[in-house]
């Protein structure tokens, strides 16, 4: 229904308008690890027309251009679109909604979204829109974080919040924080959106995120994100100190010369539109 998670969508939009610059500073070194596997999963080739949904600062689109393909980026945050245009003046970036893509049917050869799914109110609708704008046989791919029990980075954050946060706070109803983090629901969601289930690939990719301080992960969540930032913003000063300390203590187990190397795990999922 149209109103489902509407307040969550408004929270996300306002949050990313505010956090656009901090996101680029704090998260890009991590999320960029997964661009190459994502483009490989959709079998990107030179000359292909690719739509990058929830493009953020435009790093995926830039990689697509370097590969000799033709990218278009789309994001619902005007500040993200502005930053992407400034970084990549030769690429088309548009402000728009993943659930209502402003393109005609069968416009693109490939559609991707790099960690956009956790920020979508209704991923199923966005997947159907991706299918609509894909040509016959075109591939759609996305990345999602693995669930905290398999993903140390998010486990540290989740454990700290569970242990120390006041969760009886006023926040909009939200979709799952770790959507589509297993293969069967991915297959079901893609099949329901019109993709060929036999064409699906599901790859688990592990990365090491080099950060300069034990507090960097907490600061990235507080200043460079939205969903967790909204929880942190509603905590008392004492609870916030406890959450920060718990995350930093966990990160210190990954000390390396010059900083810390935090392990992170994500899934790279792709499927084809029927030929």
C-alpha atoms as a PDB file:
ATOM      1  CA  UNK A   1       0.000   0.000   0.000  1.00  0.00           C
ATOM      2  CA  UNK A   2       1.139   3.533  -0.751  1.00  0.00           C
ATOM      3  CA  UNK A   3       1.387   4.613   2.901  1.00  0.00           C
ATOM      4  CA  UNK A   4       3.460   1.619   4.057  1.00  0.00           C
ATOM      5  CA  UNK A   5       6.630   2.852   5.791  1.00  0.00           C
ATOM      6  CA  UNK A   6       5.936   6.381   4.572  1.00  0.00           C
ATOM      7  CA  UNK A   7       7.398   7.969   7.706  1.00  0.00           C
ATOM      8  CA  UNK A   8      10.467   5.750   7.388  1.00  0.00           C
ATOM      9  CA  UNK A   9      10.944   6.983   3.813  1.00  0.00           C
ATOM     10  CA  UNK A  10      10.715  10.576   4.999  1.00  0.00           C
ATOM     11  CA  UNK A  11      13.269   9.864   7.743  1.00  0.00           C
ATOM     12  CA  UNK A  12      15.637   8.298   5.220  1.00  0.00           C
ATOM     13  CA  UNK A  13      15.292  11.173   2.783  1.00  0.00           C
ATOM     14  CA  UNK A  14      15.869  13.871   5.396  1.00  0.00           C
ATOM     15  CA  UNK A  15      18.735  11.897   6.893  1.00  0.00           C
ATOM     16  CA  UNK A  16      20.608  11.460   3.629  1.00  0.00           C
ATOM     17  CA  UNK A  17      20.164  15.087   2.696  1.00  0.00           C
ATOM     18  CA  UNK A  18      21.963  15.919   5.927  1.00  0.00           C
ATOM     19  CA  UNK A  19      24.531  13.098   5.951  1.00  0.00           C
ATOM     20  CA  UNK A  20      25.636  13.167   2.287  1.00  0.00           C
ATOM     21  CA  UNK A  21      29.049  14.704   2.943  1.00  0.00           C
ATOM     22  CA  UNK A  22      29.800  12.638   6.034  1.00  0.00           C
ATOM     23  CA  UNK A  23      28.795   9.441   4.230  1.00  0.00           C
ATOM     24  CA  UNK A  24      31.325  10.093   1.503  1.00  0.00           C
ATOM     25  CA  UNK A  25      34.070  10.798   4.034  1.00  0.00           C
ATOM     26  CA  UNK A  26      33.339   7.863   6.313  1.00  0.00           C
ATOM     27  CA  UNK A  27      31.836   4.944   4.368  1.00  0.00           C
ATOM     28  CA  UNK A  28      33.207   5.075   0.819  1.00  0.00           C
ATOM     29  CA  UNK A  29      36.400   3.169   1.611  1.00  0.00           C
ATOM     30  CA  UNK A  30      34.242   0.263   2.780  1.00  0.00           C
ATOM     31  CA  UNK A  31      31.406   0.204   0.266  1.00  0.00           C
ATOM     32  CA  UNK A  32      33.810   0.607  -2.660  1.00  0.00           C
ATOM     33  CA  UNK A  33      35.227  -2.857  -1.889  1.00  0.00           C
ATOM     34  CA  UNK A  34      32.056  -4.364  -3.329  1.00  0.00           C
ATOM     35  CA  UNK A  35      31.776  -2.427  -6.589  1.00  0.00           C
ATOM     36  CA  UNK A  36      33.927  -4.775  -8.671  1.00  0.00           C
ATOM     37  CA  UNK A  37      32.081  -7.945  -7.500  1.00  0.00           C
ATOM     38  CA  UNK A  38      28.754  -6.223  -8.180  1.00  0.00           C
ATOM     39  CA  UNK A  39      29.673  -5.255 -11.731  1.00  0.00           C
ATOM     40  CA  UNK A  40      31.067  -8.723 -12.328  1.00  0.00           C
ATOM     41  CA  UNK A  41      27.812 -10.273 -11.094  1.00  0.00           C
ATOM     42  CA  UNK A  42      25.795  -8.392 -13.716  1.00  0.00           C
ATOM     43  CA  UNK A  43      28.326  -9.291 -16.425  1.00  0.00           C
ATOM     44  CA  UNK A  44      29.009  -5.679 -17.367  1.00  0.00           C
ATOM     45  CA  UNK A  45      30.409  -5.234 -20.857  1.00  0.00           C
ATOM     46  CA  UNK A  46      31.690  -2.256 -22.816  1.00  0.00           C
ATOM     47  CA  UNK A  47      28.911  -0.177 -24.309  1.00  0.00           C
ATOM     48  CA  UNK A  48      26.208  -1.474 -21.981  1.00  0.00           C
ATOM     49  CA  UNK A  49      23.690   1.052 -20.645  1.00  0.00           C
ATOM     50  CA  UNK A  50      23.643   0.776 -16.848  1.00  0.00           C
ATOM     51  CA  UNK A  51      21.393   2.432 -14.267  1.00  0.00           C
ATOM     52  CA  UNK A  52      22.909   2.891 -10.801  1.00  0.00           C
ATOM     53  CA  UNK A  53      20.007   3.216  -8.322  1.00  0.00           C
ATOM     54  CA  UNK A  54      20.713   4.903  -4.964  1.00  0.00           C
ATOM     55  CA  UNK A  55      23.951   6.043  -6.550  1.00  0.00           C
ATOM     56  CA  UNK A  56      25.139   8.202  -3.659  1.00  0.00           C
ATOM     57  CA  UNK A  57      28.318  10.120  -4.559  1.00  0.00           C
ATOM     58  CA  UNK A  58      28.608   8.223  -7.849  1.00  0.00           C
ATOM     59  CA  UNK A  59      31.418   5.753  -7.248  1.00  0.00           C
ATOM     60  CA  UNK A  60      29.687   2.839  -8.967  1.00  0.00           C
ATOM     61  CA  UNK A  61      28.795   4.986 -11.969  1.00  0.00           C
ATOM     62  CA  UNK A  62      32.415   6.155 -12.212  1.00  0.00           C
ATOM     63  CA  UNK A  63      33.625   2.542 -12.243  1.00  0.00           C
ATOM     64  CA  UNK A  64      31.078   1.724 -14.945  1.00  0.00           C
ATOM     65  CA  UNK A  65      32.390   4.572 -17.111  1.00  0.00           C
ATOM     66  CA  UNK A  66      35.982   3.378 -16.638  1.00  0.00           C
ATOM     67  CA  UNK A  67      34.868  -0.050 -17.848  1.00  0.00           C
ATOM     68  CA  UNK A  68      33.682   1.478 -21.124  1.00  0.00           C
ATOM     69  CA  UNK A  69      29.964   1.241 -20.363  1.00  0.00           C
ATOM     70  CA  UNK A  70      27.385   4.052 -20.247  1.00  0.00           C
ATOM     71  CA  UNK A  71      26.152   4.839 -16.716  1.00  0.00           C
ATOM     72  CA  UNK A  72      23.211   6.871 -15.446  1.00  0.00           C
ATOM     73  CA  UNK A  73      22.966   7.482 -11.701  1.00  0.00           C
ATOM     74  CA  UNK A  74      19.792   8.102  -9.689  1.00  0.00           C
ATOM     75  CA  UNK A  75      19.340   9.023  -6.017  1.00  0.00           C
ATOM     76  CA  UNK A  76      16.472  10.473  -3.997  1.00  0.00           C
ATOM     77  CA  UNK A  77      18.833  12.846  -2.168  1.00  0.00           C
ATOM     78  CA  UNK A  78      19.474  16.104  -3.981  1.00  0.00           C
ATOM     79  CA  UNK A  79      22.685  16.568  -1.992  1.00  0.00           C
ATOM     80  CA  UNK A  80      23.955  13.149  -3.082  1.00  0.00           C
ATOM     81  CA  UNK A  81      23.121  13.939  -6.706  1.00  0.00           C
ATOM     82  CA  UNK A  82      24.923  17.269  -6.450  1.00  0.00           C
ATOM     83  CA  UNK A  83      28.038  15.613  -5.045  1.00  0.00           C
ATOM     84  CA  UNK A  84      27.937  12.918  -7.740  1.00  0.00           C
ATOM     85  CA  UNK A  85      27.693  15.548 -10.502  1.00  0.00           C
ATOM     86  CA  UNK A  86      30.591  17.524  -9.053  1.00  0.00           C
ATOM     87  CA  UNK A  87      32.757  14.409  -8.910  1.00  0.00           C
ATOM     88  CA  UNK A  88      31.758  13.110 -12.351  1.00  0.00           C
ATOM     89  CA  UNK A  89      30.771  15.931 -14.717  1.00  0.00           C
ATOM     90  CA  UNK A  90      30.700  13.551 -17.685  1.00  0.00           C
ATOM     91  CA  UNK A  91      28.024  11.269 -16.200  1.00  0.00           C
ATOM     92  CA  UNK A  92      24.268  11.867 -16.056  1.00  0.00           C
ATOM     93  CA  UNK A  93      22.881  11.901 -12.509  1.00  0.00           C
ATOM     94  CA  UNK A  94      19.197  12.410 -11.710  1.00  0.00           C
ATOM     95  CA  UNK A  95      17.139  12.928  -8.589  1.00  0.00           C
ATOM     96  CA  UNK A  96      14.420  10.291  -8.404  1.00  0.00           C
ATOM     97  CA  UNK A  97      12.618   7.488  -6.574  1.00  0.00           C
ATOM     98  CA  UNK A  98      13.680   3.835  -6.831  1.00  0.00           C
ATOM     99  CA  UNK A  99      10.006   2.856  -6.621  1.00  0.00           C
ATOM    100  CA  UNK A 100       9.059   5.108  -9.556  1.00  0.00           C
ATOM    101  CA  UNK A 101      11.975   5.151 -11.952  1.00  0.00           C
ATOM    102  CA  UNK A 102      11.697   8.043 -14.428  1.00  0.00           C
ATOM    103  CA  UNK A 103      12.621   5.927 -17.453  1.00  0.00           C
ATOM    104  CA  UNK A 104      10.776   4.138 -20.188  1.00  0.00           C
ATOM    105  CA  UNK A 105      10.437   0.362 -20.265  1.00  0.00           C
ATOM    106  CA  UNK A 106      13.477  -1.635 -21.450  1.00  0.00           C
ATOM    107  CA  UNK A 107      15.780   1.405 -21.399  1.00  0.00           C
ATOM    108  CA  UNK A 108      18.826  -0.287 -19.794  1.00  0.00           C
ATOM    109  CA  UNK A 109      21.015  -3.343 -20.275  1.00  0.00           C
ATOM    110  CA  UNK A 110      21.971  -3.476 -16.569  1.00  0.00           C
ATOM    111  CA  UNK A 111      20.597  -2.082 -13.295  1.00  0.00           C
ATOM    112  CA  UNK A 112      22.502  -2.144 -10.003  1.00  0.00           C
ATOM    113  CA  UNK A 113      22.277  -0.752  -6.489  1.00  0.00           C
ATOM    114  CA  UNK A 114      25.211  -0.875  -4.080  1.00  0.00           C
ATOM    115  CA  UNK A 115      23.822  -1.109  -0.524  1.00  0.00           C
ATOM    116  CA  UNK A 116      20.693   0.778  -1.495  1.00  0.00           C
ATOM    117  CA  UNK A 117      18.340  -2.055  -0.484  1.00  0.00           C
ATOM    118  CA  UNK A 118      18.566  -1.510   3.320  1.00  0.00           C
ATOM    119  CA  UNK A 119      17.353   2.059   2.779  1.00  0.00           C
ATOM    120  CA  UNK A 120      14.334   1.206   0.642  1.00  0.00           C
ATOM    121  CA  UNK A 121      10.921   1.198   2.283  1.00  0.00           C
ATOM    122  CA  UNK A 122       9.607  -1.406  -0.181  1.00  0.00           C
ATOM    123  CA  UNK A 123      12.419  -3.295  -1.946  1.00  0.00           C
ATOM    124  CA  UNK A 124       9.960  -5.488  -3.839  1.00  0.00           C
ATOM    125  CA  UNK A 125       8.501  -2.488  -5.651  1.00  0.00           C
ATOM    126  CA  UNK A 126      11.979  -1.184  -6.457  1.00  0.00           C
ATOM    127  CA  UNK A 127      12.909  -4.604  -7.837  1.00  0.00           C
ATOM    128  CA  UNK A 128       9.852  -4.607 -10.093  1.00  0.00           C
ATOM    129  CA  UNK A 129      10.816  -1.170 -11.353  1.00  0.00           C
ATOM    130  CA  UNK A 130      14.343  -2.416 -12.057  1.00  0.00           C
ATOM    131  CA  UNK A 131      12.832  -5.287 -14.025  1.00  0.00           C
ATOM    132  CA  UNK A 132      10.600  -2.890 -15.975  1.00  0.00           C
ATOM    133  CA  UNK A 133      13.445  -0.688 -17.179  1.00  0.00           C
ATOM    134  CA  UNK A 134      15.639  -3.655 -18.120  1.00  0.00           C
ATOM    135  CA  UNK A 135      15.702  -5.035 -21.619  1.00  0.00           C
ATOM    136  CA  UNK A 136      14.983  -8.712 -22.191  1.00  0.00           C
ATOM    137  CA  UNK A 137      17.940 -10.720 -20.872  1.00  0.00           C
ATOM    138  CA  UNK A 138      19.391  -7.762 -18.963  1.00  0.00           C
ATOM    139  CA  UNK A 139      20.769  -8.295 -15.463  1.00  0.00           C
ATOM    140  CA  UNK A 140      19.941  -6.645 -12.141  1.00  0.00           C
ATOM    141  CA  UNK A 141      22.347  -6.773  -9.211  1.00  0.00           C
ATOM    142  CA  UNK A 142      22.468  -5.527  -5.641  1.00  0.00           C
ATOM    143  CA  UNK A 143      24.573  -5.744  -2.505  1.00  0.00           C
ATOM    144  CA  UNK A 144      23.300  -6.240   1.051  1.00  0.00           C
ATOM    145  CA  UNK A 145      25.139  -6.592   4.336  1.00  0.00           C
ATOM    146  CA  UNK A 146      25.275 -10.046   5.847  1.00  0.00           C
ATOM    147  CA  UNK A 147      23.349 -10.493   9.098  1.00  0.00           C
ATOM    148  CA  UNK A 148      25.265  -9.427  12.231  1.00  0.00           C
ATOM    149  CA  UNK A 149      25.980 -12.997  13.325  1.00  0.00           C
ATOM    150  CA  UNK A 150      28.068 -13.431  10.156  1.00  0.00           C
ATOM    151  CA  UNK A 151      29.304  -9.861   9.877  1.00  0.00           C
ATOM    152  CA  UNK A 152      31.622  -8.639  12.673  1.00  0.00           C
ATOM    153  CA  UNK A 153      31.306  -4.947  11.800  1.00  0.00           C
ATOM    154  CA  UNK A 154      27.537  -4.892  12.223  1.00  0.00           C
ATOM    155  CA  UNK A 155      27.634  -7.293  15.165  1.00  0.00           C
ATOM    156  CA  UNK A 156      29.719  -4.811  17.138  1.00  0.00           C
ATOM    157  CA  UNK A 157      27.188  -2.056  16.483  1.00  0.00           C
ATOM    158  CA  UNK A 158      24.121  -4.240  17.109  1.00  0.00           C
ATOM    159  CA  UNK A 159      25.523  -5.715  20.322  1.00  0.00           C
ATOM    160  CA  UNK A 160      26.419  -2.299  21.705  1.00  0.00           C
ATOM    161  CA  UNK A 161      22.990  -0.866  20.949  1.00  0.00           C
ATOM    162  CA  UNK A 162      21.194  -3.893  22.355  1.00  0.00           C
ATOM    163  CA  UNK A 163      23.244  -3.734  25.548  1.00  0.00           C
ATOM    164  CA  UNK A 164      23.216   0.000  26.215  1.00  0.00           C
ATOM    165  CA  UNK A 165      20.558   1.861  24.191  1.00  0.00           C
ATOM    166  CA  UNK A 166      17.079   2.856  25.199  1.00  0.00           C
ATOM    167  CA  UNK A 167      15.016   1.306  22.415  1.00  0.00           C
ATOM    168  CA  UNK A 168      11.687   2.597  23.721  1.00  0.00           C
ATOM    169  CA  UNK A 169      12.094   5.685  21.580  1.00  0.00           C
ATOM    170  CA  UNK A 170       9.886   7.408  19.066  1.00  0.00           C
ATOM    171  CA  UNK A 171      10.935   6.246  15.610  1.00  0.00           C
ATOM    172  CA  UNK A 172       8.877   5.441  12.503  1.00  0.00           C
ATOM    173  CA  UNK A 173       7.946   1.857  11.824  1.00  0.00           C
ATOM    174  CA  UNK A 174      10.693   0.468   9.629  1.00  0.00           C
ATOM    175  CA  UNK A 175      11.334  -2.508   7.344  1.00  0.00           C
ATOM    176  CA  UNK A 176      13.915  -5.132   8.420  1.00  0.00           C
ATOM    177  CA  UNK A 177      17.357  -3.700   9.134  1.00  0.00           C
ATOM    178  CA  UNK A 178      19.069  -6.586   7.362  1.00  0.00           C
ATOM    179  CA  UNK A 179      16.773  -7.369   4.444  1.00  0.00           C
ATOM    180  CA  UNK A 180      17.433 -10.203   2.016  1.00  0.00           C
ATOM    181  CA  UNK A 181      20.527 -11.362   3.880  1.00  0.00           C
ATOM    182  CA  UNK A 182      20.033 -15.032   2.956  1.00  0.00           C
ATOM    183  CA  UNK A 183      19.753 -16.759  -0.404  1.00  0.00           C
ATOM    184  CA  UNK A 184      16.151 -18.123  -0.276  1.00  0.00           C
ATOM    185  CA  UNK A 185      14.425 -14.764   0.378  1.00  0.00           C
ATOM    186  CA  UNK A 186      16.588 -13.162  -2.313  1.00  0.00           C
ATOM    187  CA  UNK A 187      15.466 -15.772  -4.805  1.00  0.00           C
ATOM    188  CA  UNK A 188      11.823 -15.306  -3.820  1.00  0.00           C
ATOM    189  CA  UNK A 189      11.976 -11.489  -4.029  1.00  0.00           C
ATOM    190  CA  UNK A 190      13.616 -11.570  -7.442  1.00  0.00           C
ATOM    191  CA  UNK A 191      11.189 -14.160  -8.785  1.00  0.00           C
ATOM    192  CA  UNK A 192       8.217 -12.105  -7.528  1.00  0.00           C
ATOM    193  CA  UNK A 193       9.677  -9.069  -9.305  1.00  0.00           C
ATOM    194  CA  UNK A 194       9.759 -10.965 -12.611  1.00  0.00           C
ATOM    195  CA  UNK A 195      13.353 -12.169 -12.807  1.00  0.00           C
ATOM    196  CA  UNK A 196      14.299 -15.676 -13.894  1.00  0.00           C
ATOM    197  CA  UNK A 197      14.992 -17.617 -10.659  1.00  0.00           C
ATOM    198  CA  UNK A 198      17.409 -20.030 -12.320  1.00  0.00           C
ATOM    199  CA  UNK A 199      19.585 -17.093 -13.359  1.00  0.00           C
ATOM    200  CA  UNK A 200      20.224 -15.882  -9.800  1.00  0.00           C
ATOM    201  CA  UNK A 201      23.723 -15.756  -8.396  1.00  0.00           C
ATOM    202  CA  UNK A 202      24.465 -15.239  -4.689  1.00  0.00           C
ATOM    203  CA  UNK A 203      28.052 -14.555  -3.663  1.00  0.00           C
ATOM    204  CA  UNK A 204      29.351 -13.801  -0.179  1.00  0.00           C
ATOM    205  CA  UNK A 205      32.196 -11.283  -0.252  1.00  0.00           C
ATOM    206  CA  UNK A 206      34.421 -10.394   2.682  1.00  0.00           C
ATOM    207  CA  UNK A 207      36.352  -7.175   2.984  1.00  0.00           C
ATOM    208  CA  UNK A 208      38.695  -5.553   5.480  1.00  0.00           C
ATOM    209  CA  UNK A 209      37.866  -1.962   6.345  1.00  0.00           C
ATOM    210  CA  UNK A 210      40.929   0.019   7.368  1.00  0.00           C
ATOM    211  CA  UNK A 211      40.029   2.804   9.805  1.00  0.00           C
ATOM    212  CA  UNK A 212      42.291   5.236  11.686  1.00  0.00           C
ATOM    213  CA  UNK A 213      40.814   4.901  15.179  1.00  0.00           C
ATOM    214  CA  UNK A 214      38.798   2.520  17.342  1.00  0.00           C
ATOM    215  CA  UNK A 215      36.040   5.162  17.521  1.00  0.00           C
ATOM    216  CA  UNK A 216      35.746   5.549  13.738  1.00  0.00           C
ATOM    217  CA  UNK A 217      32.939   2.991  13.343  1.00  0.00           C
ATOM    218  CA  UNK A 218      30.825   4.694  16.004  1.00  0.00           C
ATOM    219  CA  UNK A 219      31.420   8.122  14.453  1.00  0.00           C
ATOM    220  CA  UNK A 220      30.548   6.790  10.998  1.00  0.00           C
ATOM    221  CA  UNK A 221      27.232   5.484  12.319  1.00  0.00           C
ATOM    222  CA  UNK A 222      26.486   8.655  14.254  1.00  0.00           C
ATOM    223  CA  UNK A 223      27.357  11.165  11.529  1.00  0.00           C
ATOM    224  CA  UNK A 224      27.397   9.343   8.198  1.00  0.00           C
ATOM    225  CA  UNK A 225      24.282   7.189   8.244  1.00  0.00           C
ATOM    226  CA  UNK A 226      20.563   7.393   8.920  1.00  0.00           C
ATOM    227  CA  UNK A 227      18.893   4.353  10.484  1.00  0.00           C
ATOM    228  CA  UNK A 228      21.371   3.775  13.304  1.00  0.00           C
ATOM    229  CA  UNK A 229      22.060   7.497  13.557  1.00  0.00           C
ATOM    230  CA  UNK A 230      18.374   8.051  14.311  1.00  0.00           C
ATOM    231  CA  UNK A 231      18.602   5.599  17.215  1.00  0.00           C
ATOM    232  CA  UNK A 232      21.802   7.181  18.533  1.00  0.00           C
ATOM    233  CA  UNK A 233      20.422  10.705  18.267  1.00  0.00           C
ATOM    234  CA  UNK A 234      17.650   9.781  20.706  1.00  0.00           C
ATOM    235  CA  UNK A 235      19.926   8.410  23.445  1.00  0.00           C
ATOM    236  CA  UNK A 236      20.945  10.151  26.646  1.00  0.00           C
ATOM    237  CA  UNK A 237      24.526  11.348  26.950  1.00  0.00           C
ATOM    238  CA  UNK A 238      25.379   8.522  29.320  1.00  0.00           C
ATOM    239  CA  UNK A 239      23.954   5.822  27.069  1.00  0.00           C
ATOM    240  CA  UNK A 240      25.764   7.304  24.083  1.00  0.00           C
ATOM    241  CA  UNK A 241      29.077   7.159  25.939  1.00  0.00           C
ATOM    242  CA  UNK A 242      28.461   3.497  26.792  1.00  0.00           C
ATOM    243  CA  UNK A 243      27.572   2.603  23.195  1.00  0.00           C
ATOM    244  CA  UNK A 244      30.647   4.381  21.883  1.00  0.00           C
ATOM    245  CA  UNK A 245      32.915   2.609  24.378  1.00  0.00           C
ATOM    246  CA  UNK A 246      31.455  -0.828  23.607  1.00  0.00           C
ATOM    247  CA  UNK A 247      31.945  -0.435  19.858  1.00  0.00           C
ATOM    248  CA  UNK A 248      35.468   0.927  20.290  1.00  0.00           C
ATOM    249  CA  UNK A 249      36.405  -1.944  22.626  1.00  0.00           C
ATOM    250  CA  UNK A 250      35.286  -4.460  19.994  1.00  0.00           C
ATOM    251  CA  UNK A 251      37.186  -2.689  17.216  1.00  0.00           C
ATOM    252  CA  UNK A 252      40.414  -2.676  19.259  1.00  0.00           C
ATOM    253  CA  UNK A 253      40.655  -6.448  18.723  1.00  0.00           C
ATOM    254  CA  UNK A 254      41.531  -5.629  15.096  1.00  0.00           C
ATOM    255  CA  UNK A 255      44.485  -3.323  15.701  1.00  0.00           C
ATOM    256  CA  UNK A 256      47.073  -3.197  12.915  1.00  0.00           C
ATOM    257  CA  UNK A 257      49.979  -0.817  12.343  1.00  0.00           C
ATOM    258  CA  UNK A 258      48.542   2.640  11.739  1.00  0.00           C
ATOM    259  CA  UNK A 259      44.957   1.861  12.687  1.00  0.00           C
ATOM    260  CA  UNK A 260      42.423  -0.967  12.717  1.00  0.00           C
ATOM    261  CA  UNK A 261      41.227  -3.515  10.138  1.00  0.00           C
ATOM    262  CA  UNK A 262      37.541  -4.267  10.702  1.00  0.00           C
ATOM    263  CA  UNK A 263      36.147  -7.362   8.941  1.00  0.00           C
ATOM    264  CA  UNK A 264      32.926  -6.797   7.003  1.00  0.00           C
ATOM    265  CA  UNK A 265      30.779  -9.242   5.038  1.00  0.00           C
ATOM    266  CA  UNK A 266      28.197  -8.617   2.321  1.00  0.00           C
ATOM    267  CA  UNK A 267      26.265 -10.604  -0.261  1.00  0.00           C
ATOM    268  CA  UNK A 268      26.325  -9.771  -3.966  1.00  0.00           C
ATOM    269  CA  UNK A 269      23.126 -10.904  -5.651  1.00  0.00           C
ATOM    270  CA  UNK A 270      22.127 -10.779  -9.325  1.00  0.00           C
ATOM    271  CA  UNK A 271      19.494 -12.168 -11.684  1.00  0.00           C
ATOM    272  CA  UNK A 272      18.413 -11.770 -15.293  1.00  0.00           C
ATOM    273  CA  UNK A 273      15.194 -10.582 -16.865  1.00  0.00           C
ATOM    274  CA  UNK A 274      13.688 -13.423 -18.919  1.00  0.00           C
ATOM    275  CA  UNK A 275      14.758 -13.465 -22.556  1.00  0.00           C
END
